[in-house]
mmCIF file of all heavy atoms, coordinates in Angstrom:
data_MODEL
# 
_entry.id   MODEL 
# 
loop_
_atom_site.group_PDB 
_atom_site.id 
_atom_site.type_symbol 
_atom_site.label_atom_id 
_atom_site.label_alt_id 
_atom_site.label_comp_id 
_atom_site.label_asym_id 
_atom_site.label_entity_id 
_atom_site.label_seq_id 
_atom_site.pdbx_PDB_ins_code 
_atom_site.Cartn_x 
_atom_site.Cartn_y 
_atom_site.Cartn_z 
_atom_site.occupancy 
_atom_site.B_iso_or_equiv 
_atom_site.pdbx_formal_charge 
_atom_site.auth_seq_id 
_atom_site.auth_comp_id 
_atom_site.auth_asym_id 
_atom_site.auth_atom_id 
_atom_site.pdbx_PDB_model_num 
ATOM 1   N N   . ARG A 1 1  ? 7.268   9.961   -0.699 1.00 0.00 ? 1  ARG A N   1 
ATOM 2   C CA  . ARG A 1 1  ? 6.593   10.913  -1.606 1.00 0.00 ? 1  ARG A CA  1 
ATOM 3   C C   . ARG A 1 1  ? 7.557   12.050  -1.915 1.00 0.00 ? 1  ARG A C   1 
ATOM 4   O O   . ARG A 1 1  ? 8.212   12.630  -1.040 1.00 0.00 ? 1  ARG A O   1 
ATOM 5   C CB  . ARG A 1 1  ? 5.306   11.428  -0.901 1.00 0.00 ? 1  ARG A CB  1 
ATOM 6   C CG  . ARG A 1 1  ? 4.372   12.190  -1.864 1.00 0.00 ? 1  ARG A CG  1 
ATOM 7   C CD  . ARG A 1 1  ? 3.084   12.592  -1.144 1.00 0.00 ? 1  ARG A CD  1 
ATOM 8   N NE  . ARG A 1 1  ? 2.345   11.478  -0.713 1.00 0.00 ? 1  ARG A NE  1 
ATOM 9   C CZ  . ARG A 1 1  ? 1.430   10.836  -1.478 1.00 0.00 ? 1  ARG A CZ  1 
ATOM 10  N NH1 . ARG A 1 1  ? 1.276   11.214  -2.732 1.00 0.00 ? 1  ARG A NH1 1 
ATOM 11  N NH2 . ARG A 1 1  ? 0.748   9.798   -0.987 1.00 0.00 ? 1  ARG A NH2 1 
ATOM 12  N N   . ASP A 1 2  ? 7.600   12.389  -3.174 1.00 0.00 ? 2  ASP A N   1 
ATOM 13  C CA  . ASP A 1 2  ? 8.442   13.492  -3.681 1.00 0.00 ? 2  ASP A CA  1 
ATOM 14  C C   . ASP A 1 2  ? 9.927   13.111  -3.724 1.00 0.00 ? 2  ASP A C   1 
ATOM 15  O O   . ASP A 1 2  ? 10.564  13.214  -4.771 1.00 0.00 ? 2  ASP A O   1 
ATOM 16  C CB  . ASP A 1 2  ? 8.249   14.794  -2.880 1.00 0.00 ? 2  ASP A CB  1 
ATOM 17  C CG  . ASP A 1 2  ? 6.797   15.297  -2.954 1.00 0.00 ? 2  ASP A CG  1 
ATOM 18  O OD1 . ASP A 1 2  ? 6.133   15.024  -3.990 1.00 0.00 ? 2  ASP A OD1 1 
ATOM 19  O OD2 . ASP A 1 2  ? 6.356   15.923  -1.964 1.00 0.00 ? 2  ASP A OD2 1 
ATOM 20  N N   . GLU A 1 3  ? 10.530  12.685  -2.611 1.00 0.00 ? 3  GLU A N   1 
ATOM 21  C CA  . GLU A 1 3  ? 11.899  12.342  -2.542 1.00 0.00 ? 3  GLU A CA  1 
ATOM 22  C C   . GLU A 1 3  ? 12.099  11.162  -1.586 1.00 0.00 ? 3  GLU A C   1 
ATOM 23  O O   . GLU A 1 3  ? 11.336  11.018  -0.633 1.00 0.00 ? 3  GLU A O   1 
ATOM 24  C CB  . GLU A 1 3  ? 12.792  13.526  -2.142 1.00 0.00 ? 3  GLU A CB  1 
ATOM 25  C CG  . GLU A 1 3  ? 12.443  14.110  -0.795 1.00 0.00 ? 3  GLU A CG  1 
ATOM 26  C CD  . GLU A 1 3  ? 13.326  15.234  -0.415 1.00 0.00 ? 3  GLU A CD  1 
ATOM 27  O OE1 . GLU A 1 3  ? 14.039  15.777  -1.301 1.00 0.00 ? 3  GLU A OE1 1 
ATOM 28  O OE2 . GLU A 1 3  ? 13.325  15.669  0.794  1.00 0.00 ? 3  GLU A OE2 1 
ATOM 29  N N   . PRO A 1 4  ? 13.141  10.322  -1.800 1.00 0.00 ? 4  PRO A N   1 
ATOM 30  C CA  . PRO A 1 4  ? 13.347  9.122   -0.970 1.00 0.00 ? 4  PRO A CA  1 
ATOM 31  C C   . PRO A 1 4  ? 13.521  9.447   0.523  1.00 0.00 ? 4  PRO A C   1 
ATOM 32  O O   . PRO A 1 4  ? 13.272  8.590   1.350  1.00 0.00 ? 4  PRO A O   1 
ATOM 33  C CB  . PRO A 1 4  ? 14.619  8.498   -1.547 1.00 0.00 ? 4  PRO A CB  1 
ATOM 34  C CG  . PRO A 1 4  ? 14.625  8.961   -2.954 1.00 0.00 ? 4  PRO A CG  1 
ATOM 35  C CD  . PRO A 1 4  ? 14.059  10.352  -2.948 1.00 0.00 ? 4  PRO A CD  1 
ATOM 36  N N   . GLU A 1 5  ? 13.998  10.624  0.847  1.00 0.00 ? 5  GLU A N   1 
ATOM 37  C CA  . GLU A 1 5  ? 14.185  11.011  2.223  1.00 0.00 ? 5  GLU A CA  1 
ATOM 38  C C   . GLU A 1 5  ? 12.859  11.171  2.975  1.00 0.00 ? 5  GLU A C   1 
ATOM 39  O O   . GLU A 1 5  ? 12.806  11.030  4.188  1.00 0.00 ? 5  GLU A O   1 
ATOM 40  C CB  . GLU A 1 5  ? 14.973  12.303  2.337  1.00 0.00 ? 5  GLU A CB  1 
ATOM 41  C CG  . GLU A 1 5  ? 16.447  12.154  1.990  1.00 0.00 ? 5  GLU A CG  1 
ATOM 42  C CD  . GLU A 1 5  ? 17.286  11.520  3.108  1.00 0.00 ? 5  GLU A CD  1 
ATOM 43  O OE1 . GLU A 1 5  ? 16.777  11.504  4.240  1.00 0.00 ? 5  GLU A OE1 1 
ATOM 44  O OE2 . GLU A 1 5  ? 18.372  11.051  2.861  1.00 0.00 ? 5  GLU A OE2 1 
ATOM 45  N N   . ASN A 1 6  ? 11.814  11.464  2.199  1.00 0.00 ? 6  ASN A N   1 
ATOM 46  C CA  . ASN A 1 6  ? 10.478  11.779  2.784  1.00 0.00 ? 6  ASN A CA  1 
ATOM 47  C C   . ASN A 1 6  ? 9.697   10.497  2.890  1.00 0.00 ? 6  ASN A C   1 
ATOM 48  O O   . ASN A 1 6  ? 8.806   10.216  2.078  1.00 0.00 ? 6  ASN A O   1 
ATOM 49  C CB  . ASN A 1 6  ? 9.752   12.835  1.986  1.00 0.00 ? 6  ASN A CB  1 
ATOM 50  C CG  . ASN A 1 6  ? 8.460   13.214  2.623  1.00 0.00 ? 6  ASN A CG  1 
ATOM 51  O OD1 . ASN A 1 6  ? 8.264   13.180  3.836  1.00 0.00 ? 6  ASN A OD1 1 
ATOM 52  N ND2 . ASN A 1 6  ? 7.491   13.669  1.778  1.00 0.00 ? 6  ASN A ND2 1 
ATOM 53  N N   . ILE A 1 7  ? 9.968   9.669   3.902  1.00 0.00 ? 7  ILE A N   1 
ATOM 54  C CA  . ILE A 1 7  ? 9.253   8.397   4.105  1.00 0.00 ? 7  ILE A CA  1 
ATOM 55  C C   . ILE A 1 7  ? 7.922   8.683   4.734  1.00 0.00 ? 7  ILE A C   1 
ATOM 56  O O   . ILE A 1 7  ? 7.852   9.281   5.853  1.00 0.00 ? 7  ILE A O   1 
ATOM 57  C CB  . ILE A 1 7  ? 10.072  7.434   4.932  1.00 0.00 ? 7  ILE A CB  1 
ATOM 58  C CG1 . ILE A 1 7  ? 11.424  7.173   4.306  1.00 0.00 ? 7  ILE A CG1 1 
ATOM 59  C CG2 . ILE A 1 7  ? 9.351   6.104   5.109  1.00 0.00 ? 7  ILE A CG2 1 
ATOM 60  C CD1 . ILE A 1 7  ? 11.394  6.493   2.962  1.00 0.00 ? 7  ILE A CD1 1 
ATOM 61  N N   . THR A 1 8  ? 6.830   8.277   4.104  1.00 0.00 ? 8  THR A N   1 
ATOM 62  C CA  . THR A 1 8  ? 5.518   8.533   4.652  1.00 0.00 ? 8  THR A CA  1 
ATOM 63  C C   . THR A 1 8  ? 4.842   7.309   5.307  1.00 0.00 ? 8  THR A C   1 
ATOM 64  O O   . THR A 1 8  ? 3.876   7.457   5.970  1.00 0.00 ? 8  THR A O   1 
ATOM 65  C CB  . THR A 1 8  ? 4.572   9.070   3.542  1.00 0.00 ? 8  THR A CB  1 
ATOM 66  O OG1 . THR A 1 8  ? 4.510   8.120   2.506  1.00 0.00 ? 8  THR A OG1 1 
ATOM 67  C CG2 . THR A 1 8  ? 5.127   10.392  2.984  1.00 0.00 ? 8  THR A CG2 1 
ATOM 68  N N   . GLY A 1 9  ? 5.377   6.140   4.999  1.00 0.00 ? 9  GLY A N   1 
ATOM 69  C CA  . GLY A 1 9  ? 4.765   4.932   5.581  1.00 0.00 ? 9  GLY A CA  1 
ATOM 70  C C   . GLY A 1 9  ? 5.500   3.699   5.127  1.00 0.00 ? 9  GLY A C   1 
ATOM 71  O O   . GLY A 1 9  ? 6.517   3.763   4.386  1.00 0.00 ? 9  GLY A O   1 
ATOM 72  N N   . VAL A 1 10 ? 5.046   2.577   5.564  1.00 0.00 ? 10 VAL A N   1 
ATOM 73  C CA  . VAL A 1 10 ? 5.588   1.266   5.258  1.00 0.00 ? 10 VAL A CA  1 
ATOM 74  C C   . VAL A 1 10 ? 4.420   0.365   4.770  1.00 0.00 ? 10 VAL A C   1 
ATOM 75  O O   . VAL A 1 10 ? 3.446   0.230   5.504  1.00 0.00 ? 10 VAL A O   1 
ATOM 76  C CB  . VAL A 1 10 ? 6.381   0.628   6.425  1.00 0.00 ? 10 VAL A CB  1 
ATOM 77  C CG1 . VAL A 1 10 ? 6.825   -0.789  6.013  1.00 0.00 ? 10 VAL A CG1 1 
ATOM 78  C CG2 . VAL A 1 10 ? 7.499   1.477   6.829  1.00 0.00 ? 10 VAL A CG2 1 
ATOM 79  N N   . ILE A 1 11 ? 4.575   -0.198  3.573  1.00 0.00 ? 11 ILE A N   1 
ATOM 80  C CA  . ILE A 1 11 ? 3.499   -1.055  3.060  1.00 0.00 ? 11 ILE A CA  1 
ATOM 81  C C   . ILE A 1 11 ? 3.869   -2.537  3.243  1.00 0.00 ? 11 ILE A C   1 
ATOM 82  O O   . ILE A 1 11 ? 5.045   -2.947  2.967  1.00 0.00 ? 11 ILE A O   1 
ATOM 83  C CB  . ILE A 1 11 ? 3.245   -0.732  1.569  1.00 0.00 ? 11 ILE A CB  1 
ATOM 84  C CG1 . ILE A 1 11 ? 1.985   -1.408  1.090  1.00 0.00 ? 11 ILE A CG1 1 
ATOM 85  C CG2 . ILE A 1 11 ? 4.407   -1.135  0.714  1.00 0.00 ? 11 ILE A CG2 1 
ATOM 86  C CD1 . ILE A 1 11 ? 0.721   -0.777  1.660  1.00 0.00 ? 11 ILE A CD1 1 
ATOM 87  N N   . HIS A 1 12 ? 2.920   -3.281  3.732  1.00 0.00 ? 12 HIS A N   1 
ATOM 88  C CA  . HIS A 1 12 ? 3.069   -4.744  3.804  1.00 0.00 ? 12 HIS A CA  1 
ATOM 89  C C   . HIS A 1 12 ? 2.354   -5.401  2.633  1.00 0.00 ? 12 HIS A C   1 
ATOM 90  O O   . HIS A 1 12 ? 1.199   -5.044  2.353  1.00 0.00 ? 12 HIS A O   1 
ATOM 91  C CB  . HIS A 1 12 ? 2.486   -5.246  5.144  1.00 0.00 ? 12 HIS A CB  1 
ATOM 92  C CG  . HIS A 1 12 ? 2.900   -6.653  5.465  1.00 0.00 ? 12 HIS A CG  1 
ATOM 93  N ND1 . HIS A 1 12 ? 2.518   -7.756  4.750  1.00 0.00 ? 12 HIS A ND1 1 
ATOM 94  C CD2 . HIS A 1 12 ? 3.706   -7.140  6.492  1.00 0.00 ? 12 HIS A CD2 1 
ATOM 95  C CE1 . HIS A 1 12 ? 3.060   -8.872  5.295  1.00 0.00 ? 12 HIS A CE1 1 
ATOM 96  N NE2 . HIS A 1 12 ? 3.792   -8.502  6.350  1.00 0.00 ? 12 HIS A NE2 1 
ATOM 97  N N   . ALA A 1 13 ? 3.054   -6.253  1.938  1.00 0.00 ? 13 ALA A N   1 
ATOM 98  C CA  . ALA A 1 13 ? 2.493   -6.877  0.704  1.00 0.00 ? 13 ALA A CA  1 
ATOM 99  C C   . ALA A 1 13 ? 1.161   -7.525  0.974  1.00 0.00 ? 13 ALA A C   1 
ATOM 100 O O   . ALA A 1 13 ? 0.242   -7.416  0.152  1.00 0.00 ? 13 ALA A O   1 
ATOM 101 C CB  . ALA A 1 13 ? 3.490   -7.866  0.128  1.00 0.00 ? 13 ALA A CB  1 
ATOM 102 N N   . LYS A 1 14 ? 1.011   -8.162  2.106  1.00 0.00 ? 14 LYS A N   1 
ATOM 103 C CA  . LYS A 1 14 ? -0.250  -8.857  2.423  1.00 0.00 ? 14 LYS A CA  1 
ATOM 104 C C   . LYS A 1 14 ? -1.368  -7.832  2.581  1.00 0.00 ? 14 LYS A C   1 
ATOM 105 O O   . LYS A 1 14 ? -2.512  -8.034  2.157  1.00 0.00 ? 14 LYS A O   1 
ATOM 106 C CB  . LYS A 1 14 ? -0.099  -9.692  3.693  1.00 0.00 ? 14 LYS A CB  1 
ATOM 107 C CG  . LYS A 1 14 ? -1.255  -10.614 3.945  1.00 0.00 ? 14 LYS A CG  1 
ATOM 108 C CD  . LYS A 1 14 ? -0.968  -11.518 5.127  1.00 0.00 ? 14 LYS A CD  1 
ATOM 109 C CE  . LYS A 1 14 ? -2.133  -12.490 5.336  1.00 0.00 ? 14 LYS A CE  1 
ATOM 110 N NZ  . LYS A 1 14 ? -1.830  -13.444 6.507  1.00 0.00 ? 14 LYS A NZ  1 
ATOM 111 N N   . ASP A 1 15 ? -1.075  -6.705  3.285  1.00 0.00 ? 15 ASP A N   1 
ATOM 112 C CA  . ASP A 1 15 ? -2.114  -5.672  3.474  1.00 0.00 ? 15 ASP A CA  1 
ATOM 113 C C   . ASP A 1 15 ? -2.479  -5.066  2.119  1.00 0.00 ? 15 ASP A C   1 
ATOM 114 O O   . ASP A 1 15 ? -3.642  -4.775  1.888  1.00 0.00 ? 15 ASP A O   1 
ATOM 115 C CB  . ASP A 1 15 ? -1.553  -4.580  4.371  1.00 0.00 ? 15 ASP A CB  1 
ATOM 116 C CG  . ASP A 1 15 ? -1.354  -5.073  5.825  1.00 0.00 ? 15 ASP A CG  1 
ATOM 117 O OD1 . ASP A 1 15 ? -2.045  -6.015  6.188  1.00 0.00 ? 15 ASP A OD1 1 
ATOM 118 O OD2 . ASP A 1 15 ? -0.524  -4.457  6.538  1.00 0.00 ? 15 ASP A OD2 1 
ATOM 119 N N   . LEU A 1 16 ? -1.483  -4.853  1.240  1.00 0.00 ? 16 LEU A N   1 
ATOM 120 C CA  . LEU A 1 16 ? -1.783  -4.280  -0.078 1.00 0.00 ? 16 LEU A CA  1 
ATOM 121 C C   . LEU A 1 16 ? -2.644  -5.217  -0.924 1.00 0.00 ? 16 LEU A C   1 
ATOM 122 O O   . LEU A 1 16 ? -3.602  -4.788  -1.557 1.00 0.00 ? 16 LEU A O   1 
ATOM 123 C CB  . LEU A 1 16 ? -0.507  -4.005  -0.823 1.00 0.00 ? 16 LEU A CB  1 
ATOM 124 C CG  . LEU A 1 16 ? -0.596  -3.415  -2.212 1.00 0.00 ? 16 LEU A CG  1 
ATOM 125 C CD1 . LEU A 1 16 ? -1.358  -2.090  -2.201 1.00 0.00 ? 16 LEU A CD1 1 
ATOM 126 C CD2 . LEU A 1 16 ? 0.786   -3.260  -2.825 1.00 0.00 ? 16 LEU A CD2 1 
ATOM 127 N N   . LEU A 1 17 ? -2.335  -6.468  -0.921 1.00 0.00 ? 17 LEU A N   1 
ATOM 128 C CA  . LEU A 1 17 ? -3.133  -7.435  -1.716 1.00 0.00 ? 17 LEU A CA  1 
ATOM 129 C C   . LEU A 1 17 ? -4.514  -7.583  -1.099 1.00 0.00 ? 17 LEU A C   1 
ATOM 130 O O   . LEU A 1 17 ? -5.491  -7.700  -1.908 1.00 0.00 ? 17 LEU A O   1 
ATOM 131 C CB  . LEU A 1 17 ? -2.418  -8.796  -1.720 1.00 0.00 ? 17 LEU A CB  1 
ATOM 132 C CG  . LEU A 1 17 ? -1.053  -8.879  -2.444 1.00 0.00 ? 17 LEU A CG  1 
ATOM 133 C CD1 . LEU A 1 17 ? -0.450  -10.239 -2.321 1.00 0.00 ? 17 LEU A CD1 1 
ATOM 134 C CD2 . LEU A 1 17 ? -1.244  -8.501  -3.939 1.00 0.00 ? 17 LEU A CD2 1 
ATOM 135 N N   . ARG A 1 18 ? -4.617  -7.569  0.164  1.00 0.00 ? 18 ARG A N   1 
ATOM 136 C CA  . ARG A 1 18 ? -5.977  -7.685  0.800  1.00 0.00 ? 18 ARG A CA  1 
ATOM 137 C C   . ARG A 1 18 ? -6.782  -6.457  0.423  1.00 0.00 ? 18 ARG A C   1 
ATOM 138 O O   . ARG A 1 18 ? -7.979  -6.593  0.101  1.00 0.00 ? 18 ARG A O   1 
ATOM 139 C CB  . ARG A 1 18 ? -5.811  -7.781  2.311  1.00 0.00 ? 18 ARG A CB  1 
ATOM 140 C CG  . ARG A 1 18 ? -7.138  -8.029  3.014  1.00 0.00 ? 18 ARG A CG  1 
ATOM 141 C CD  . ARG A 1 18 ? -6.958  -8.040  4.556  1.00 0.00 ? 18 ARG A CD  1 
ATOM 142 N NE  . ARG A 1 18 ? -6.168  -9.144  5.023  1.00 0.00 ? 18 ARG A NE  1 
ATOM 143 C CZ  . ARG A 1 18 ? -4.963  -9.015  5.566  1.00 0.00 ? 18 ARG A CZ  1 
ATOM 144 N NH1 . ARG A 1 18 ? -4.405  -7.775  5.713  1.00 0.00 ? 18 ARG A NH1 1 
ATOM 145 N NH2 . ARG A 1 18 ? -4.282  -10.059 5.963  1.00 0.00 ? 18 ARG A NH2 1 
ATOM 146 N N   . ALA A 1 19 ? -6.181  -5.237  0.452  1.00 0.00 ? 19 ALA A N   1 
ATOM 147 C CA  . ALA A 1 19 ? -6.929  -4.007  0.134  1.00 0.00 ? 19 ALA A CA  1 
ATOM 148 C C   . ALA A 1 19 ? -7.312  -3.991  -1.346 1.00 0.00 ? 19 ALA A C   1 
ATOM 149 O O   . ALA A 1 19 ? -8.434  -3.573  -1.689 1.00 0.00 ? 19 ALA A O   1 
ATOM 150 C CB  . ALA A 1 19 ? -6.091  -2.807  0.512  1.00 0.00 ? 19 ALA A CB  1 
ATOM 151 N N   . THR A 1 20 ? -6.421  -4.392  -2.260 1.00 0.00 ? 20 THR A N   1 
ATOM 152 C CA  . THR A 1 20 ? -6.746  -4.360  -3.675 1.00 0.00 ? 20 THR A CA  1 
ATOM 153 C C   . THR A 1 20 ? -7.806  -5.404  -4.024 1.00 0.00 ? 20 THR A C   1 
ATOM 154 O O   . THR A 1 20 ? -8.649  -5.169  -4.871 1.00 0.00 ? 20 THR A O   1 
ATOM 155 C CB  . THR A 1 20 ? -5.444  -4.611  -4.492 1.00 0.00 ? 20 THR A CB  1 
ATOM 156 O OG1 . THR A 1 20 ? -4.806  -5.804  -4.069 1.00 0.00 ? 20 THR A OG1 1 
ATOM 157 C CG2 . THR A 1 20 ? -4.464  -3.394  -4.339 1.00 0.00 ? 20 THR A CG2 1 
ATOM 158 N N   . TYR A 1 21 ? -7.720  -6.534  -3.383 1.00 0.00 ? 21 TYR A N   1 
ATOM 159 C CA  . TYR A 1 21 ? -8.745  -7.542  -3.648 1.00 0.00 ? 21 TYR A CA  1 
ATOM 160 C C   . TYR A 1 21 ? -10.132 -7.032  -3.180 1.00 0.00 ? 21 TYR A C   1 
ATOM 161 O O   . TYR A 1 21 ? -11.113 -7.260  -3.875 1.00 0.00 ? 21 TYR A O   1 
ATOM 162 C CB  . TYR A 1 21 ? -8.403  -8.830  -2.884 1.00 0.00 ? 21 TYR A CB  1 
ATOM 163 C CG  . TYR A 1 21 ? -9.451  -9.888  -2.982 1.00 0.00 ? 21 TYR A CG  1 
ATOM 164 C CD1 . TYR A 1 21 ? -9.584  -10.667 -4.141 1.00 0.00 ? 21 TYR A CD1 1 
ATOM 165 C CD2 . TYR A 1 21 ? -10.348 -10.120 -1.947 1.00 0.00 ? 21 TYR A CD2 1 
ATOM 166 C CE1 . TYR A 1 21 ? -10.585 -11.664 -4.241 1.00 0.00 ? 21 TYR A CE1 1 
ATOM 167 C CE2 . TYR A 1 21 ? -11.391 -11.060 -2.065 1.00 0.00 ? 21 TYR A CE2 1 
ATOM 168 C CZ  . TYR A 1 21 ? -11.469 -11.836 -3.196 1.00 0.00 ? 21 TYR A CZ  1 
ATOM 169 O OH  . TYR A 1 21 ? -12.465 -12.784 -3.300 1.00 0.00 ? 21 TYR A OH  1 
ATOM 170 N N   . LYS A 1 22 ? -10.129 -6.373  -2.018 1.00 0.00 ? 22 LYS A N   1 
ATOM 171 C CA  . LYS A 1 22 ? -11.432 -5.841  -1.560 1.00 0.00 ? 22 LYS A CA  1 
ATOM 172 C C   . LYS A 1 22 ? -11.919 -4.755  -2.472 1.00 0.00 ? 22 LYS A C   1 
ATOM 173 O O   . LYS A 1 22 ? -13.122 -4.665  -2.707 1.00 0.00 ? 22 LYS A O   1 
ATOM 174 C CB  . LYS A 1 22 ? -11.211 -5.254  -0.148 1.00 0.00 ? 22 LYS A CB  1 
ATOM 175 C CG  . LYS A 1 22 ? -12.458 -4.718  0.500  1.00 0.00 ? 22 LYS A CG  1 
ATOM 176 C CD  . LYS A 1 22 ? -12.218 -4.146  1.894  1.00 0.00 ? 22 LYS A CD  1 
ATOM 177 C CE  . LYS A 1 22 ? -13.447 -3.612  2.512  1.00 0.00 ? 22 LYS A CE  1 
ATOM 178 N NZ  . LYS A 1 22 ? -13.174 -3.035  3.885  1.00 0.00 ? 22 LYS A NZ  1 
ATOM 179 N N   . ALA A 1 23 ? -11.043 -3.946  -3.007 1.00 0.00 ? 23 ALA A N   1 
ATOM 180 C CA  . ALA A 1 23 ? -11.464 -2.832  -3.905 1.00 0.00 ? 23 ALA A CA  1 
ATOM 181 C C   . ALA A 1 23 ? -11.991 -3.361  -5.226 1.00 0.00 ? 23 ALA A C   1 
ATOM 182 O O   . ALA A 1 23 ? -12.886 -2.759  -5.841 1.00 0.00 ? 23 ALA A O   1 
ATOM 183 C CB  . ALA A 1 23 ? -10.286 -1.859  -4.154 1.00 0.00 ? 23 ALA A CB  1 
ATOM 184 N N   . ILE A 1 24 ? -11.449 -4.474  -5.726 1.00 0.00 ? 24 ILE A N   1 
ATOM 185 C CA  . ILE A 1 24 ? -11.815 -5.000  -7.014 1.00 0.00 ? 24 ILE A CA  1 
ATOM 186 C C   . ILE A 1 24 ? -12.934 -6.057  -6.939 1.00 0.00 ? 24 ILE A C   1 
ATOM 187 O O   . ILE A 1 24 ? -13.942 -5.943  -7.615 1.00 0.00 ? 24 ILE A O   1 
ATOM 188 C CB  . ILE A 1 24 ? -10.593 -5.636  -7.700 1.00 0.00 ? 24 ILE A CB  1 
ATOM 189 C CG1 . ILE A 1 24 ? -9.516  -4.572  -7.978 1.00 0.00 ? 24 ILE A CG1 1 
ATOM 190 C CG2 . ILE A 1 24 ? -10.994 -6.242  -9.040 1.00 0.00 ? 24 ILE A CG2 1 
ATOM 191 C CD1 . ILE A 1 24 ? -8.219  -5.111  -8.481 1.00 0.00 ? 24 ILE A CD1 1 
ATOM 192 N N   . SER A 1 25 ? -12.773 -7.035  -6.032 1.00 0.00 ? 25 SER A N   1 
ATOM 193 C CA  . SER A 1 25 ? -13.678 -8.182  -6.012 1.00 0.00 ? 25 SER A CA  1 
ATOM 194 C C   . SER A 1 25 ? -14.546 -8.224  -4.771 1.00 0.00 ? 25 SER A C   1 
ATOM 195 O O   . SER A 1 25 ? -15.428 -9.077  -4.688 1.00 0.00 ? 25 SER A O   1 
ATOM 196 C CB  . SER A 1 25 ? -12.862 -9.460  -6.131 1.00 0.00 ? 25 SER A CB  1 
ATOM 197 O OG  . SER A 1 25 ? -12.105 -9.494  -7.307 1.00 0.00 ? 25 SER A OG  1 
ATOM 198 N N   . GLY A 1 26 ? -14.315 -7.377  -3.787 1.00 0.00 ? 26 GLY A N   1 
ATOM 199 C CA  . GLY A 1 26 ? -15.065 -7.416  -2.595 1.00 0.00 ? 26 GLY A CA  1 
ATOM 200 C C   . GLY A 1 26 ? -16.441 -6.820  -2.736 1.00 0.00 ? 26 GLY A C   1 
ATOM 201 O O   . GLY A 1 26 ? -16.838 -6.355  -3.833 1.00 0.00 ? 26 GLY A O   1 
# 
């Protein structure tokens, strides 16, 4: 966030797809 040095987290593609599917079709 804001700059590449400021790492706030790590996203896993599977977790992202699962969350987006739940938000749209769940």
